[in-house]
Amino acid sequence: MTTSVNPTKLHQELLAAGLPVVSVSSDGRVDYSRALTTTEQTTAAAVIAAHNTAQSTEEARVDAYLNGGITLQNMVFALWSKVMQEDSTNADVIQTTMDNINTTIN
């Protein structure tokens, strides 16, 4: 049986613990740049056991923004219009959408 993980989050957790992690896959496989020492193996096991697969607040916001139709391209064009053409219409719509999303995500 495979264990699902949040690969980005687990990767950061392992790095924060000082481990030489190179990559983490969604099935839970972790690749290191070298063999771990006994102490590092214990640390890695503890980090992995404590890992919570839930998205971080930032990840949840980004997903919600994308699902709300806010793309990087839309933001760039809105910003361009606001800064270069003094038309904040699209930027205001995006800001309102983001504000609404932010009230639902802690």
N, C-alpha and C. Protein backbone atom coordinates (compact mmCIF):
# COMPACT_ATOMS: atom_id res chain seq x y z
N MET A 1 0.84 -1.18 0.00
CA MET A 1 0.00 0.00 0.00
C MET A 1 0.89 1.24 0.00
N THR A 2 0.55 2.22 -0.84
CA THR A 2 1.34 3.44 -0.89
C THR A 2 0.70 4.52 -0.03
N THR A 3 1.52 5.42 0.41
CA THR A 3 1.06 6.52 1.24
C THR A 3 1.06 7.79 0.41
N SER A 4 -0.05 8.49 0.39
CA SER A 4 -0.09 9.76 -0.31
C SER A 4 0.47 10.84 0.58
N VAL A 5 1.23 11.72 -0.03
CA VAL A 5 1.82 12.84 0.70
C VAL A 5 1.61 14.11 -0.10
N ASN A 6 1.84 15.22 0.53
CA ASN A 6 1.89 16.50 -0.16
C ASN A 6 3.38 16.69 -0.47
N PRO A 7 3.81 16.37 -1.71
CA PRO A 7 5.23 16.33 -2.00
C PRO A 7 5.97 17.65 -1.75
N THR A 8 5.38 18.75 -2.15
CA THR A 8 6.04 20.05 -1.95
C THR A 8 6.21 20.34 -0.48
N LYS A 9 5.16 20.10 0.27
CA LYS A 9 5.19 20.38 1.71
C LYS A 9 6.19 19.47 2.43
N LEU A 10 6.16 18.17 2.11
CA LEU A 10 7.09 17.23 2.76
C LEU A 10 8.52 17.57 2.38
N HIS A 11 8.75 17.92 1.14
CA HIS A 11 10.10 18.31 0.71
C HIS A 11 10.62 19.46 1.58
N GLN A 12 9.79 20.47 1.77
CA GLN A 12 10.19 21.61 2.59
C GLN A 12 10.41 21.22 4.05
N GLU A 13 9.58 20.33 4.55
CA GLU A 13 9.73 19.87 5.94
C GLU A 13 11.06 19.13 6.13
N LEU A 14 11.40 18.29 5.16
CA LEU A 14 12.66 17.55 5.24
C LEU A 14 13.86 18.49 5.12
N LEU A 15 13.77 19.46 4.22
CA LEU A 15 14.84 20.46 4.10
C LEU A 15 15.00 21.23 5.40
N ALA A 16 13.87 21.63 5.98
CA ALA A 16 13.92 22.40 7.23
C ALA A 16 14.56 21.60 8.36
N ALA A 17 14.48 20.28 8.27
CA ALA A 17 15.09 19.42 9.28
C ALA A 17 16.58 19.19 8.99
N GLY A 18 17.09 19.82 7.93
CA GLY A 18 18.50 19.72 7.60
C GLY A 18 18.89 18.46 6.85
N LEU A 19 17.91 17.81 6.23
CA LEU A 19 18.18 16.58 5.50
C LEU A 19 18.50 16.87 4.03
N PRO A 20 19.36 16.06 3.41
CA PRO A 20 19.77 16.30 2.03
C PRO A 20 18.77 15.77 1.00
N VAL A 21 17.53 16.20 1.12
CA VAL A 21 16.47 15.71 0.24
C VAL A 21 16.62 16.34 -1.15
N VAL A 22 16.40 15.52 -2.17
CA VAL A 22 16.46 15.98 -3.56
C VAL A 22 15.06 16.07 -4.14
N SER A 23 14.24 15.06 -3.86
CA SER A 23 12.88 15.06 -4.38
C SER A 23 11.97 14.19 -3.53
N VAL A 24 10.67 14.50 -3.62
CA VAL A 24 9.64 13.72 -2.94
C VAL A 24 8.53 13.50 -3.95
N SER A 25 8.10 12.27 -4.10
CA SER A 25 7.01 11.98 -5.04
C SER A 25 5.70 11.85 -4.28
N SER A 26 4.59 11.96 -5.00
CA SER A 26 3.28 11.93 -4.35
C SER A 26 2.96 10.58 -3.72
N ASP A 27 3.68 9.53 -4.11
CA ASP A 27 3.45 8.22 -3.48
C ASP A 27 4.27 8.04 -2.20
N GLY A 28 5.03 9.08 -1.83
CA GLY A 28 5.78 9.04 -0.59
C GLY A 28 7.25 8.70 -0.73
N ARG A 29 7.69 8.39 -1.95
CA ARG A 29 9.11 8.08 -2.14
C ARG A 29 9.94 9.35 -1.96
N VAL A 30 11.01 9.25 -1.19
CA VAL A 30 11.90 10.38 -0.95
C VAL A 30 13.28 10.01 -1.48
N ASP A 31 13.86 10.89 -2.27
CA ASP A 31 15.21 10.70 -2.77
C ASP A 31 16.13 11.71 -2.11
N TYR A 32 17.27 11.21 -1.66
CA TYR A 32 18.26 12.05 -1.01
C TYR A 32 19.51 12.12 -1.89
N SER A 33 20.32 13.14 -1.68
CA SER A 33 21.53 13.32 -2.48
C SER A 33 22.63 12.34 -2.08
N ARG A 34 22.46 11.72 -0.94
CA ARG A 34 23.44 10.75 -0.43
C ARG A 34 22.73 9.86 0.58
N ALA A 35 23.42 8.81 0.99
CA ALA A 35 22.87 7.93 2.03
C ALA A 35 22.79 8.70 3.35
N LEU A 36 21.72 8.49 4.07
CA LEU A 36 21.53 9.17 5.35
C LEU A 36 22.30 8.47 6.46
N THR A 37 22.78 9.26 7.40
CA THR A 37 23.39 8.70 8.60
C THR A 37 22.27 8.10 9.46
N THR A 38 22.64 7.36 10.46
CA THR A 38 21.65 6.77 11.36
C THR A 38 20.80 7.87 12.02
N THR A 39 21.44 8.93 12.45
CA THR A 39 20.73 10.05 13.08
C THR A 39 19.77 10.69 12.07
N GLU A 40 20.25 10.88 10.84
CA GLU A 40 19.40 11.47 9.81
C GLU A 40 18.22 10.56 9.46
N GLN A 41 18.44 9.26 9.47
CA GLN A 41 17.34 8.32 9.22
C GLN A 41 16.26 8.46 10.29
N THR A 42 16.69 8.61 11.53
CA THR A 42 15.74 8.79 12.64
C THR A 42 14.98 10.10 12.46
N THR A 43 15.71 11.16 12.11
CA THR A 43 15.08 12.46 11.88
C THR A 43 14.08 12.39 10.73
N ALA A 44 14.50 11.76 9.63
CA ALA A 44 13.62 11.63 8.46
C ALA A 44 12.34 10.87 8.82
N ALA A 45 12.49 9.78 9.56
CA ALA A 45 11.32 8.98 9.95
C ALA A 45 10.37 9.81 10.80
N ALA A 46 10.92 10.64 11.70
CA ALA A 46 10.07 11.48 12.55
C ALA A 46 9.35 12.55 11.73
N VAL A 47 10.06 13.17 10.79
CA VAL A 47 9.45 14.20 9.94
C VAL A 47 8.34 13.58 9.10
N ILE A 48 8.61 12.44 8.52
CA ILE A 48 7.61 11.77 7.67
C ILE A 48 6.40 11.33 8.50
N ALA A 49 6.63 10.82 9.69
CA ALA A 49 5.52 10.40 10.56
C ALA A 49 4.65 11.58 10.97
N ALA A 50 5.27 12.74 11.15
CA ALA A 50 4.53 13.93 11.58
C ALA A 50 3.90 14.68 10.41
N HIS A 51 4.22 14.27 9.18
CA HIS A 51 3.75 14.99 7.99
C HIS A 51 2.22 14.99 7.89
N ASN A 52 1.69 16.18 7.67
CA ASN A 52 0.25 16.35 7.45
C ASN A 52 0.07 16.69 5.98
N THR A 53 -0.73 15.89 5.27
CA THR A 53 -0.87 16.06 3.82
C THR A 53 -1.73 17.26 3.42
N ALA A 54 -2.37 17.89 4.38
CA ALA A 54 -3.23 19.04 4.05
C ALA A 54 -2.41 20.14 3.38
N GLN A 55 -3.06 20.83 2.47
CA GLN A 55 -2.40 21.95 1.80
C GLN A 55 -2.10 23.04 2.81
N SER A 56 -1.02 23.75 2.54
CA SER A 56 -0.75 24.94 3.34
C SER A 56 -1.77 26.01 2.95
N THR A 57 -1.88 27.03 3.76
CA THR A 57 -2.80 28.12 3.46
C THR A 57 -2.47 28.74 2.11
N GLU A 58 -1.19 28.93 1.86
CA GLU A 58 -0.75 29.52 0.58
C GLU A 58 -1.16 28.64 -0.60
N GLU A 59 -0.95 27.33 -0.49
CA GLU A 59 -1.34 26.41 -1.56
C GLU A 59 -2.85 26.43 -1.79
N ALA A 60 -3.61 26.46 -0.71
CA ALA A 60 -5.07 26.51 -0.83
C ALA A 60 -5.52 27.80 -1.52
N ARG A 61 -4.87 28.91 -1.17
CA ARG A 61 -5.23 30.18 -1.82
C ARG A 61 -4.93 30.15 -3.31
N VAL A 62 -3.76 29.68 -3.67
CA VAL A 62 -3.39 29.63 -5.09
C VAL A 62 -4.38 28.76 -5.87
N ASP A 63 -4.72 27.61 -5.32
CA ASP A 63 -5.71 26.75 -5.98
C ASP A 63 -7.06 27.46 -6.11
N ALA A 64 -7.47 28.14 -5.05
CA ALA A 64 -8.75 28.86 -5.09
C ALA A 64 -8.71 30.01 -6.09
N TYR A 65 -7.60 30.71 -6.16
CA TYR A 65 -7.46 31.79 -7.15
C TYR A 65 -7.60 31.23 -8.57
N LEU A 66 -6.89 30.15 -8.83
CA LEU A 66 -6.96 29.55 -10.16
C LEU A 66 -8.38 29.06 -10.48
N ASN A 67 -9.01 28.42 -9.49
CA ASN A 67 -10.40 27.97 -9.69
C ASN A 67 -11.36 29.13 -9.84
N GLY A 68 -11.00 30.30 -9.30
CA GLY A 68 -11.81 31.50 -9.43
C GLY A 68 -11.54 32.27 -10.71
N GLY A 69 -10.67 31.73 -11.56
CA GLY A 69 -10.39 32.35 -12.84
C GLY A 69 -9.26 33.37 -12.81
N ILE A 70 -8.54 33.44 -11.71
CA ILE A 70 -7.42 34.38 -11.63
C ILE A 70 -6.15 33.66 -12.07
N THR A 71 -5.68 34.01 -13.23
CA THR A 71 -4.44 33.43 -13.73
C THR A 71 -3.35 34.48 -13.70
N LEU A 72 -2.13 34.02 -13.79
CA LEU A 72 -1.00 34.94 -13.83
C LEU A 72 -1.12 35.88 -15.03
N GLN A 73 -1.55 35.33 -16.15
CA GLN A 73 -1.71 36.15 -17.35
C GLN A 73 -2.76 37.25 -17.12
N ASN A 74 -3.88 36.89 -16.51
CA ASN A 74 -4.91 37.89 -16.22
C ASN A 74 -4.36 38.98 -15.31
N MET A 75 -3.58 38.58 -14.33
CA MET A 75 -3.02 39.55 -13.39
C MET A 75 -2.04 40.49 -14.09
N VAL A 76 -1.21 39.95 -14.96
CA VAL A 76 -0.24 40.78 -15.67
C VAL A 76 -0.95 41.81 -16.54
N PHE A 77 -1.96 41.36 -17.28
CA PHE A 77 -2.68 42.30 -18.15
C PHE A 77 -3.42 43.36 -17.32
N ALA A 78 -4.01 42.94 -16.20
CA ALA A 78 -4.72 43.88 -15.35
C ALA A 78 -3.75 44.91 -14.77
N LEU A 79 -2.60 44.43 -14.35
CA LEU A 79 -1.60 45.35 -13.80
C LEU A 79 -1.10 46.31 -14.87
N TRP A 80 -0.86 45.79 -16.06
CA TRP A 80 -0.41 46.63 -17.18
C TRP A 80 -1.44 47.73 -17.44
N SER A 81 -2.69 47.34 -17.52
CA SER A 81 -3.75 48.33 -17.77
C SER A 81 -3.79 49.38 -16.67
N LYS A 82 -3.61 48.93 -15.44
CA LYS A 82 -3.68 49.86 -14.32
C LYS A 82 -2.49 50.82 -14.31
N VAL A 83 -1.31 50.29 -14.50
CA VAL A 83 -0.10 51.11 -14.40
C VAL A 83 0.14 51.94 -15.65
N MET A 84 0.02 51.31 -16.79
CA MET A 84 0.40 51.99 -18.03
C MET A 84 -0.76 52.76 -18.67
N GLN A 85 -1.99 52.32 -18.43
CA GLN A 85 -3.12 52.96 -19.08
C GLN A 85 -4.07 53.63 -18.09
N GLU A 86 -3.69 53.57 -16.81
CA GLU A 86 -4.48 54.17 -15.74
C GLU A 86 -5.94 53.69 -15.74
N ASP A 87 -6.11 52.41 -16.08
CA ASP A 87 -7.43 51.78 -16.08
C ASP A 87 -7.38 50.62 -15.08
N SER A 88 -7.97 50.83 -13.92
CA SER A 88 -7.89 49.81 -12.87
C SER A 88 -9.09 48.85 -12.87
N THR A 89 -9.91 48.89 -13.88
CA THR A 89 -11.13 48.07 -13.91
C THR A 89 -10.83 46.59 -13.68
N ASN A 90 -9.95 46.02 -14.48
CA ASN A 90 -9.66 44.58 -14.35
C ASN A 90 -8.92 44.27 -13.06
N ALA A 91 -8.03 45.13 -12.65
CA ALA A 91 -7.31 44.93 -11.39
C ALA A 91 -8.27 44.96 -10.21
N ASP A 92 -9.24 45.85 -10.27
CA ASP A 92 -10.24 45.94 -9.19
C ASP A 92 -11.08 44.66 -9.11
N VAL A 93 -11.44 44.12 -10.27
CA VAL A 93 -12.23 42.87 -10.30
C VAL A 93 -11.41 41.74 -9.69
N ILE A 94 -10.14 41.64 -10.08
CA ILE A 94 -9.28 40.59 -9.54
C ILE A 94 -9.11 40.77 -8.04
N GLN A 95 -8.91 42.01 -7.59
CA GLN A 95 -8.74 42.26 -6.16
C GLN A 95 -9.98 41.87 -5.37
N THR A 96 -11.14 42.19 -5.89
CA THR A 96 -12.40 41.82 -5.23
C THR A 96 -12.53 40.30 -5.13
N THR A 97 -12.21 39.61 -6.22
CA THR A 97 -12.27 38.15 -6.22
C THR A 97 -11.30 37.58 -5.20
N MET A 98 -10.08 38.11 -5.17
CA MET A 98 -9.09 37.63 -4.21
C MET A 98 -9.53 37.90 -2.78
N ASP A 99 -10.08 39.08 -2.54
CA ASP A 99 -10.57 39.41 -1.19
C ASP A 99 -11.66 38.43 -0.75
N ASN A 100 -12.57 38.12 -1.66
CA ASN A 100 -13.65 37.18 -1.35
C ASN A 100 -13.09 35.79 -1.04
N ILE A 101 -12.11 35.36 -1.83
CA ILE A 101 -11.49 34.06 -1.59
C ILE A 101 -10.75 34.06 -0.26
N ASN A 102 -10.02 35.12 0.01
CA ASN A 102 -9.22 35.19 1.23
C ASN A 102 -10.07 35.12 2.50
N THR A 103 -11.31 35.57 2.43
CA THR A 103 -12.18 35.49 3.61
C THR A 103 -12.59 34.06 3.92
N THR A 104 -12.47 33.17 2.92
CA THR A 104 -12.87 31.78 3.14
C THR A 104 -11.71 30.88 3.50
N ILE A 105 -10.48 31.38 3.38
CA ILE A 105 -9.29 30.58 3.65
C ILE A 105 -8.50 31.24 4.76
N ASN A 106 -8.24 30.48 5.81
CA ASN A 106 -7.51 31.04 6.96
C ASN A 106 -6.03 31.08 6.68
